Amino acid sequence: MSPRRQRRPSESPALIAFGRQMRRLREAKDVKQETIAHITQVSGPQVSKIENGRKRATRTFVVTVDEYLEAGGALINLWEDLNKDGHPVPIWFDWPQIEADAAMLLTYQHSVIPGLVQTPAYALAILHGNQEAADARIGRQKILKDPRDDGASPPLYTILIDEQALCRPVGTPETMKEQLEHLVEVSTLPNITVQVVLGSGEHDGNMGAFVVATMADRSEVAYIETAIRPLTTDDPADLSAVARTLVALRSRALTEQMSRELIRKVAEERWS
């Protein structure tokens, strides 16, 4: 899945306002950034980015900091005010950064192979020959293999993919065969799980594709595709709806081994 994203401005007024207020409250209590990093289980550089307006804080992070600094809800109220500023997709959400920082990623796709495991040929075909966009998409895949800047391991990545995505033609038959073989290959990596959701019947997953990012502090952010624009949210009601959908999808999903066998079968019988 590739975010058809609204790019965040290089400087977000909402992020800067929140970061400055957090810094003021922290310094007023003579608390160091290292202490905030410890109590929130977020790295020191990430705390610095939040205070400098270069990274969005999760609500869980904000609640923990507000309580520790005895801010009486002031930091939480500011976060909520800025997060509900009238934008259908808050401008201070930066999904590529959320994706890169996540400890776990879980995606469901009903139509195409997820962007993080697409081959160059498949990505180029799905993006109508836009080489720059295809290169950017393939470049994002390094988060699944390379260690993080802070030394953390690559995220655990779970892929739930509808059976019909294996049969929907993208590019040439050779492109599809190569893509499915690649999907089988990445499914053997220790941090990647691929499960096929059987396509028969109706289920909530028919409503659309999504990704759920679980951060190191166990907070969650969801990226949900819609017909108009993608929605990025950490609203508890939205996350609950996604969780219910996941229950339905997982009840229809094949095991990892059965999924690999089916993907191999489709690659050989349909695309050879």
Protein backbone atom coordinates (compact mmCIF):
# COMPACT_ATOMS: atom_id res chain seq x y z
CA MET A 1 0.00 0.00 0.00
CA SER A 2 1.43 3.39 -0.88
CA PRO A 3 0.15 6.40 1.03
CA ARG A 4 -1.49 8.79 -1.40
CA ARG A 5 -0.55 11.19 1.29
CA GLN A 6 -1.08 14.83 2.02
CA ARG A 7 2.47 15.89 2.70
CA ARG A 8 3.07 17.51 6.04
CA PRO A 9 4.53 21.00 5.77
CA SER A 10 8.25 21.18 6.56
CA GLU A 11 7.18 23.05 9.71
CA SER A 12 3.81 22.21 11.24
CA PRO A 13 2.43 24.98 13.49
CA ALA A 14 0.50 22.37 15.50
CA LEU A 15 3.59 20.28 16.14
CA ILE A 16 5.70 23.30 17.05
CA ALA A 17 3.07 24.67 19.43
CA PHE A 18 2.73 21.37 21.21
CA GLY A 19 6.49 20.81 21.43
CA ARG A 20 7.15 24.26 22.88
CA GLN A 21 4.48 23.86 25.56
CA MET A 22 5.79 20.44 26.51
CA ARG A 23 9.32 21.85 26.82
CA ARG A 24 8.07 24.73 29.01
CA LEU A 25 6.26 22.37 31.36
CA ARG A 26 9.23 20.00 31.52
CA GLU A 27 11.75 22.75 32.24
CA ALA A 28 9.46 24.34 34.85
CA LYS A 29 9.67 21.05 36.77
CA ASP A 30 13.43 20.78 36.13
CA VAL A 31 12.93 17.42 34.39
CA LYS A 32 15.43 16.25 31.77
CA GLN A 33 14.53 14.84 28.36
CA GLU A 34 16.22 11.59 29.40
CA THR A 35 13.69 11.22 32.19
CA ILE A 36 10.79 11.70 29.78
CA ALA A 37 12.34 9.10 27.49
CA HIS A 38 12.59 6.65 30.38
CA ILE A 39 9.03 7.00 31.68
CA THR A 40 7.49 6.86 28.18
CA GLN A 41 9.81 4.14 26.80
CA VAL A 42 10.57 6.40 23.84
CA SER A 43 14.16 7.08 22.78
CA GLY A 44 15.83 10.36 23.73
CA PRO A 45 16.18 11.50 20.10
CA GLN A 46 12.44 10.92 19.57
CA VAL A 47 11.57 13.04 22.62
CA SER A 48 13.82 15.77 21.23
CA LYS A 49 12.02 15.60 17.88
CA ILE A 50 8.65 15.98 19.60
CA GLU A 51 9.81 19.07 21.50
CA ASN A 52 11.33 20.55 18.34
CA GLY A 53 8.08 20.08 16.40
CA ARG A 54 9.49 17.45 14.05
CA LYS A 55 7.52 14.45 15.29
CA ARG A 56 3.95 13.87 16.39
CA ALA A 57 3.39 12.60 19.93
CA THR A 58 0.91 9.78 20.50
CA ARG A 59 -1.90 10.28 22.98
CA THR A 60 -0.45 7.60 25.26
CA PHE A 61 2.84 9.48 25.37
CA VAL A 62 1.06 12.75 26.15
CA VAL A 63 -1.00 11.25 28.99
CA THR A 64 2.13 9.78 30.60
CA VAL A 65 4.06 13.05 30.34
CA ASP A 66 1.11 15.13 31.57
CA GLU A 67 0.76 12.95 34.67
CA TYR A 68 4.50 12.92 35.42
CA LEU A 69 4.81 16.70 35.07
CA GLU A 70 1.63 17.20 37.14
CA ALA A 71 0.24 19.37 34.35
CA GLY A 72 -3.36 18.79 35.42
CA GLY A 73 -4.47 17.80 31.93
CA ALA A 74 -3.09 20.94 30.26
CA LEU A 75 -0.85 19.01 27.90
CA ILE A 76 -3.60 16.51 27.09
CA ASN A 77 -6.08 19.32 26.37
CA LEU A 78 -3.60 21.05 24.06
CA TRP A 79 -2.93 17.80 22.20
CA GLU A 80 -6.66 17.18 21.76
CA ASP A 81 -7.31 20.76 20.62
CA LEU A 82 -4.58 20.58 18.01
CA ASN A 83 -5.63 17.12 16.90
CA LYS A 84 -9.20 18.27 16.28
CA ASP A 85 -8.45 21.41 14.31
CA GLY A 86 -11.04 20.80 11.63
CA HIS A 87 -8.81 18.97 9.17
CA PRO A 88 -10.29 15.70 7.85
CA VAL A 89 -6.76 14.30 8.07
CA PRO A 90 -4.72 16.13 10.75
CA ILE A 91 -1.81 17.90 9.08
CA TRP A 92 0.57 16.83 11.81
CA PHE A 93 0.19 13.14 11.10
CA ASP A 94 3.17 11.95 9.08
CA TRP A 95 2.34 8.36 8.14
CA PRO A 96 5.72 7.51 6.55
CA GLN A 97 7.38 8.51 9.84
CA ILE A 98 4.85 6.55 11.89
CA GLU A 99 5.49 3.54 9.63
CA ALA A 100 9.26 3.90 10.02
CA ASP A 101 9.06 4.19 13.83
CA ALA A 102 6.57 1.36 14.44
CA ALA A 103 7.48 -1.71 16.46
CA MET A 104 4.77 -3.73 14.67
CA LEU A 105 2.82 -3.25 11.46
CA LEU A 106 -0.29 -5.16 10.47
CA THR A 107 -1.86 -4.61 7.08
CA TYR A 108 -4.92 -5.92 5.28
CA GLN A 109 -5.20 -5.60 1.52
CA HIS A 110 -8.17 -6.81 -0.50
CA SER A 111 -7.11 -5.74 -4.01
CA VAL A 112 -3.33 -5.50 -4.47
CA ILE A 113 -0.10 -6.66 -2.88
CA PRO A 114 0.99 -4.28 -0.06
CA GLY A 115 3.57 -1.70 -1.08
CA LEU A 116 6.17 -2.80 1.46
CA VAL A 117 6.49 -6.18 -0.29
CA GLN A 118 5.93 -5.19 -3.92
CA THR A 119 8.54 -5.96 -6.58
CA PRO A 120 9.89 -3.07 -8.68
CA ALA A 121 7.99 -4.28 -11.76
CA TYR A 122 4.71 -4.66 -9.86
CA ALA A 123 5.10 -1.23 -8.24
CA LEU A 124 5.85 0.39 -11.60
CA ALA A 125 2.78 -1.21 -13.17
CA ILE A 126 0.42 -0.28 -10.35
CA LEU A 127 1.72 3.30 -10.44
CA HIS A 128 1.11 3.60 -14.19
CA GLY A 129 4.78 3.81 -15.12
CA ASN A 130 5.70 6.59 -12.67
CA GLN A 131 9.31 5.59 -12.03
CA GLU A 132 9.94 8.20 -9.33
CA ALA A 133 6.92 7.05 -7.32
CA ALA A 134 7.87 3.39 -7.81
CA ASP A 135 11.43 4.02 -6.63
CA ALA A 136 10.11 5.83 -3.55
CA ARG A 137 7.82 2.92 -2.75
CA ILE A 138 10.59 0.36 -3.08
CA GLY A 139 12.83 2.61 -0.98
CA ARG A 140 10.36 2.40 1.91
CA GLN A 141 10.92 -1.35 2.09
CA LYS A 142 14.28 -0.90 3.80
CA ILE A 143 12.47 -0.46 7.13
CA LEU A 144 11.72 -4.21 7.08
CA LYS A 145 15.40 -5.17 6.86
CA ASP A 146 17.67 -2.39 8.12
CA PRO A 147 18.26 -1.63 11.81
CA ARG A 148 16.77 1.65 13.03
CA ASP A 149 18.82 4.75 13.73
CA ASP A 150 18.31 4.11 17.45
CA GLY A 151 19.49 0.51 17.11
CA ALA A 152 16.02 -1.05 17.33
CA SER A 153 15.22 -4.13 15.26
CA PRO A 154 13.05 -3.90 12.13
CA PRO A 155 9.32 -4.09 12.88
CA LEU A 156 7.29 -7.25 12.99
CA TYR A 157 5.14 -7.14 9.86
CA THR A 158 1.93 -9.12 9.48
CA ILE A 159 0.21 -9.19 6.09
CA LEU A 160 -3.39 -10.31 5.68
CA ILE A 161 -4.13 -10.40 1.97
CA ASP A 162 -7.39 -11.30 0.30
CA GLU A 163 -7.25 -14.26 -2.05
CA GLN A 164 -8.52 -12.13 -4.94
CA ALA A 165 -5.38 -9.94 -4.82
CA LEU A 166 -3.37 -12.96 -5.94
CA CYS A 167 -5.49 -13.29 -9.08
CA ARG A 168 -6.00 -9.65 -10.04
CA PRO A 169 -3.69 -8.89 -12.99
CA VAL A 170 -1.17 -6.10 -12.53
CA GLY A 171 1.25 -5.68 -15.41
CA THR A 172 2.14 -8.82 -17.37
CA PRO A 173 1.75 -12.47 -16.28
CA GLU A 174 5.51 -12.45 -15.71
CA THR A 175 5.11 -9.49 -13.38
CA MET A 176 2.46 -11.32 -11.38
CA LYS A 177 4.44 -14.57 -11.20
CA GLU A 178 7.54 -12.73 -10.00
CA GLN A 179 5.47 -10.81 -7.44
CA LEU A 180 3.85 -13.91 -5.96
CA GLU A 181 7.19 -15.72 -5.80
CA HIS A 182 8.61 -12.69 -4.00
CA LEU A 183 5.68 -12.75 -1.57
CA VAL A 184 6.48 -16.39 -0.75
CA GLU A 185 10.15 -15.51 -0.27
CA VAL A 186 9.55 -12.60 2.14
CA SER A 187 7.06 -14.71 4.10
CA THR A 188 9.97 -16.86 5.28
CA LEU A 189 11.74 -13.91 6.93
CA PRO A 190 11.60 -14.05 10.75
CA ASN A 191 9.83 -10.70 11.14
CA ILE A 192 7.26 -11.13 8.34
CA THR A 193 4.05 -13.17 8.41
CA VAL A 194 1.84 -13.57 5.34
CA GLN A 195 -1.65 -15.06 5.58
CA VAL A 196 -4.22 -15.33 2.82
CA VAL A 197 -7.82 -14.45 3.69
CA LEU A 198 -10.22 -16.69 1.80
CA GLY A 199 -12.24 -14.60 -0.62
CA SER A 200 -15.61 -16.31 -0.40
CA GLY A 201 -18.47 -14.67 1.50
CA GLU A 202 -18.96 -11.25 3.01
CA HIS A 203 -16.90 -9.72 5.78
CA ASP A 204 -16.04 -6.27 7.13
CA GLY A 205 -12.72 -6.31 5.30
CA ASN A 206 -14.62 -5.62 2.07
CA MET A 207 -14.98 -2.02 3.28
CA GLY A 208 -11.36 -1.20 2.53
CA ALA A 209 -7.64 -1.73 3.11
CA PHE A 210 -5.82 -0.52 6.21
CA VAL A 211 -2.57 -0.64 8.17
CA VAL A 212 -2.24 -0.58 11.96
CA ALA A 213 1.08 0.60 13.40
CA THR A 214 1.86 -0.35 16.98
CA MET A 215 4.51 1.89 18.51
CA ALA A 216 7.13 1.01 21.13
CA ASP A 217 4.90 2.46 23.87
CA ARG A 218 2.07 0.12 22.70
CA SER A 219 -0.02 2.98 21.31
CA GLU A 220 -1.57 2.48 17.88
CA VAL A 221 -2.10 4.55 14.76
CA ALA A 222 -4.20 3.32 11.84
CA TYR A 223 -3.94 4.24 8.16
CA ILE A 224 -7.27 3.56 6.45
CA GLU A 225 -7.91 3.84 2.73
CA THR A 226 -11.12 5.56 1.64
CA ALA A 227 -12.57 6.47 -1.75
CA ILE A 228 -11.67 10.15 -1.24
CA ARG A 229 -8.39 10.15 0.69
CA PRO A 230 -6.52 8.00 3.19
CA LEU A 231 -7.40 8.60 6.84
CA THR A 232 -4.72 8.45 9.53
CA THR A 233 -6.12 8.16 13.03
CA ASP A 234 -5.44 7.11 16.61
CA ASP A 235 -8.98 7.76 17.76
CA PRO A 236 -10.02 4.93 20.12
CA ALA A 237 -13.38 4.45 18.35
CA ASP A 238 -11.65 4.07 14.98
CA LEU A 239 -9.09 1.66 16.39
CA SER A 240 -11.86 -0.42 17.99
CA ALA A 241 -13.65 -0.69 14.64
CA VAL A 242 -10.43 -1.85 12.98
CA ALA A 243 -9.84 -4.38 15.77
CA ARG A 244 -13.30 -5.87 15.21
CA THR A 245 -12.57 -6.16 11.50
CA LEU A 246 -9.30 -7.94 12.26
CA VAL A 247 -11.13 -10.56 14.32
CA ALA A 248 -13.36 -11.33 11.32
CA LEU A 249 -10.43 -11.41 8.89
CA ARG A 250 -8.25 -13.66 11.01
CA SER A 251 -11.07 -16.15 11.39
CA ARG A 252 -10.99 -16.54 7.58
CA ALA A 253 -7.20 -16.57 7.17
CA LEU A 254 -5.18 -19.64 6.24
CA THR A 255 -2.14 -20.62 8.29
CA GLU A 256 1.27 -19.35 7.18
CA GLN A 257 2.20 -22.65 5.56
CA MET A 258 -1.16 -23.09 3.84
CA SER A 259 -0.93 -19.50 2.62
CA ARG A 260 2.50 -20.11 1.08
CA GLU A 261 1.20 -23.22 -0.65
CA LEU A 262 -1.78 -21.36 -2.08
CA ILE A 263 0.38 -18.46 -3.29
CA ARG A 264 2.76 -20.90 -4.99
CA LYS A 265 -0.17 -22.69 -6.60
CA VAL A 266 -1.67 -19.47 -7.99
CA ALA A 267 1.75 -18.38 -9.29
CA GLU A 268 2.24 -21.64 -11.15
CA GLU A 269 -1.27 -22.38 -12.37
CA ARG A 270 -2.55 -18.89 -13.21
CA TRP A 271 0.52 -16.83 -14.05
CA SER A 272 2.96 -19.28 -15.71
